[in-house]
Amino acid sequence: MESIEQVSINDLSKRDLLLLIKALEYTGESTKLEEFLNLKNNIVKELCFLTESTEEEFIHYLEENS
């Protein structure tokens, strides 16, 4: 197996990214495990920083362009 040192966001489609975010949110809310919600929030926070957008703008963009 190849070693993975860095995962690139470029390898994910907008649809897959939205699905990951929604799955983390759903799992966190359903299981009440904060780790899932924290991971979702950290991912979204970083992506919003990179795209200079709010969370609402970013999620809306993914939903409209998936």
C-alpha atoms as a PDB file:
ATOM      1  CA  MET A   1       0.000   0.000   0.000  1.00  0.00           C
ATOM      2  CA  GLU A   2       1.233   3.448  -0.833  1.00  0.00           C
ATOM      3  CA  SER A   3       1.896   5.676   2.138  1.00  0.00           C
ATOM      4  CA  ILE A   4      -0.349   8.686   2.328  1.00  0.00           C
ATOM      5  CA  GLU A   5       1.318  11.810   3.614  1.00  0.00           C
ATOM      6  CA  GLN A   6      -1.197  14.362   2.428  1.00  0.00           C
ATOM      7  CA  VAL A   7      -4.718  14.190   1.103  1.00  0.00           C
ATOM      8  CA  SER A   8      -5.704  16.797  -1.452  1.00  0.00           C
ATOM      9  CA  ILE A   9      -9.114  18.396  -1.540  1.00  0.00           C
ATOM     10  CA  ASN A  10      -8.713  18.571  -5.314  1.00  0.00           C
ATOM     11  CA  ASP A  11      -9.334  14.833  -5.466  1.00  0.00           C
ATOM     12  CA  LEU A  12     -12.894  15.215  -4.153  1.00  0.00           C
ATOM     13  CA  SER A  13     -15.878  16.333  -6.172  1.00  0.00           C
ATOM     14  CA  LYS A  14     -18.161  19.013  -4.747  1.00  0.00           C
ATOM     15  CA  ARG A  15     -20.839  16.365  -4.303  1.00  0.00           C
ATOM     16  CA  ASP A  16     -18.489  14.078  -2.364  1.00  0.00           C
ATOM     17  CA  LEU A  17     -17.350  16.955  -0.172  1.00  0.00           C
ATOM     18  CA  LEU A  18     -20.943  17.912   0.607  1.00  0.00           C
ATOM     19  CA  LEU A  19     -21.755  14.271   1.356  1.00  0.00           C
ATOM     20  CA  LEU A  20     -18.829  14.019   3.793  1.00  0.00           C
ATOM     21  CA  ILE A  21     -19.850  17.203   5.584  1.00  0.00           C
ATOM     22  CA  LYS A  22     -23.488  16.130   5.845  1.00  0.00           C
ATOM     23  CA  ALA A  23     -22.509  12.603   6.971  1.00  0.00           C
ATOM     24  CA  LEU A  24     -20.295  13.952   9.748  1.00  0.00           C
ATOM     25  CA  GLU A  25     -23.077  16.277  10.879  1.00  0.00           C
ATOM     26  CA  TYR A  26     -25.715  13.524  10.813  1.00  0.00           C
ATOM     27  CA  THR A  27     -23.479  11.042  12.626  1.00  0.00           C
ATOM     28  CA  GLY A  28     -22.536  13.586  15.276  1.00  0.00           C
ATOM     29  CA  GLU A  29     -26.143  14.523  15.918  1.00  0.00           C
ATOM     30  CA  SER A  30     -27.350  10.902  15.901  1.00  0.00           C
ATOM     31  CA  THR A  31     -24.633   9.464  18.136  1.00  0.00           C
ATOM     32  CA  LYS A  32     -24.096  12.558  20.304  1.00  0.00           C
ATOM     33  CA  LEU A  33     -20.337  12.112  19.791  1.00  0.00           C
ATOM     34  CA  GLU A  34     -18.739  15.544  19.652  1.00  0.00           C
ATOM     35  CA  GLU A  35     -15.760  14.229  17.650  1.00  0.00           C
ATOM     36  CA  PHE A  36     -17.860  13.989  14.492  1.00  0.00           C
ATOM     37  CA  LEU A  37     -19.274  17.487  14.861  1.00  0.00           C
ATOM     38  CA  ASN A  38     -15.844  18.894  15.705  1.00  0.00           C
ATOM     39  CA  LEU A  39     -14.324  17.277  12.619  1.00  0.00           C
ATOM     40  CA  LYS A  40     -17.125  18.616  10.422  1.00  0.00           C
ATOM     41  CA  ASN A  41     -16.752  22.092  11.905  1.00  0.00           C
ATOM     42  CA  ASN A  42     -12.960  22.070  11.492  1.00  0.00           C
ATOM     43  CA  ILE A  43     -13.200  20.989   7.857  1.00  0.00           C
ATOM     44  CA  VAL A  44     -15.827  23.612   7.049  1.00  0.00           C
ATOM     45  CA  LYS A  45     -13.927  26.310   8.949  1.00  0.00           C
ATOM     46  CA  GLU A  46     -10.738  25.620   6.954  1.00  0.00           C
ATOM     47  CA  LEU A  47     -12.576  25.531   3.637  1.00  0.00           C
ATOM     48  CA  CYS A  48     -14.373  28.776   4.423  1.00  0.00           C
ATOM     49  CA  PHE A  49     -11.037  30.375   5.259  1.00  0.00           C
ATOM     50  CA  LEU A  50      -9.564  29.182   1.964  1.00  0.00           C
ATOM     51  CA  THR A  51     -12.550  30.340  -0.065  1.00  0.00           C
ATOM     52  CA  GLU A  52     -13.095  33.544   1.924  1.00  0.00           C
ATOM     53  CA  SER A  53     -16.742  32.706   2.508  1.00  0.00           C
ATOM     54  CA  THR A  54     -19.117  32.085   5.385  1.00  0.00           C
ATOM     55  CA  GLU A  55     -20.274  28.581   6.267  1.00  0.00           C
ATOM     56  CA  GLU A  56     -23.720  29.336   4.868  1.00  0.00           C
ATOM     57  CA  GLU A  57     -22.283  30.620   1.586  1.00  0.00           C
ATOM     58  CA  PHE A  58     -19.951  27.646   1.258  1.00  0.00           C
ATOM     59  CA  ILE A  59     -22.600  24.988   1.970  1.00  0.00           C
ATOM     60  CA  HIS A  60     -25.039  26.748  -0.356  1.00  0.00           C
ATOM     61  CA  TYR A  61     -22.384  26.762  -3.087  1.00  0.00           C
ATOM     62  CA  LEU A  62     -21.809  23.014  -2.650  1.00  0.00           C
ATOM     63  CA  GLU A  63     -25.537  22.286  -2.670  1.00  0.00           C
ATOM     64  CA  GLU A  64     -26.135  24.353  -5.807  1.00  0.00           C
ATOM     65  CA  ASN A  65     -23.103  23.013  -7.716  1.00  0.00           C
ATOM     66  CA  SER A  66     -23.158  19.316  -6.844  1.00  0.00           C
END
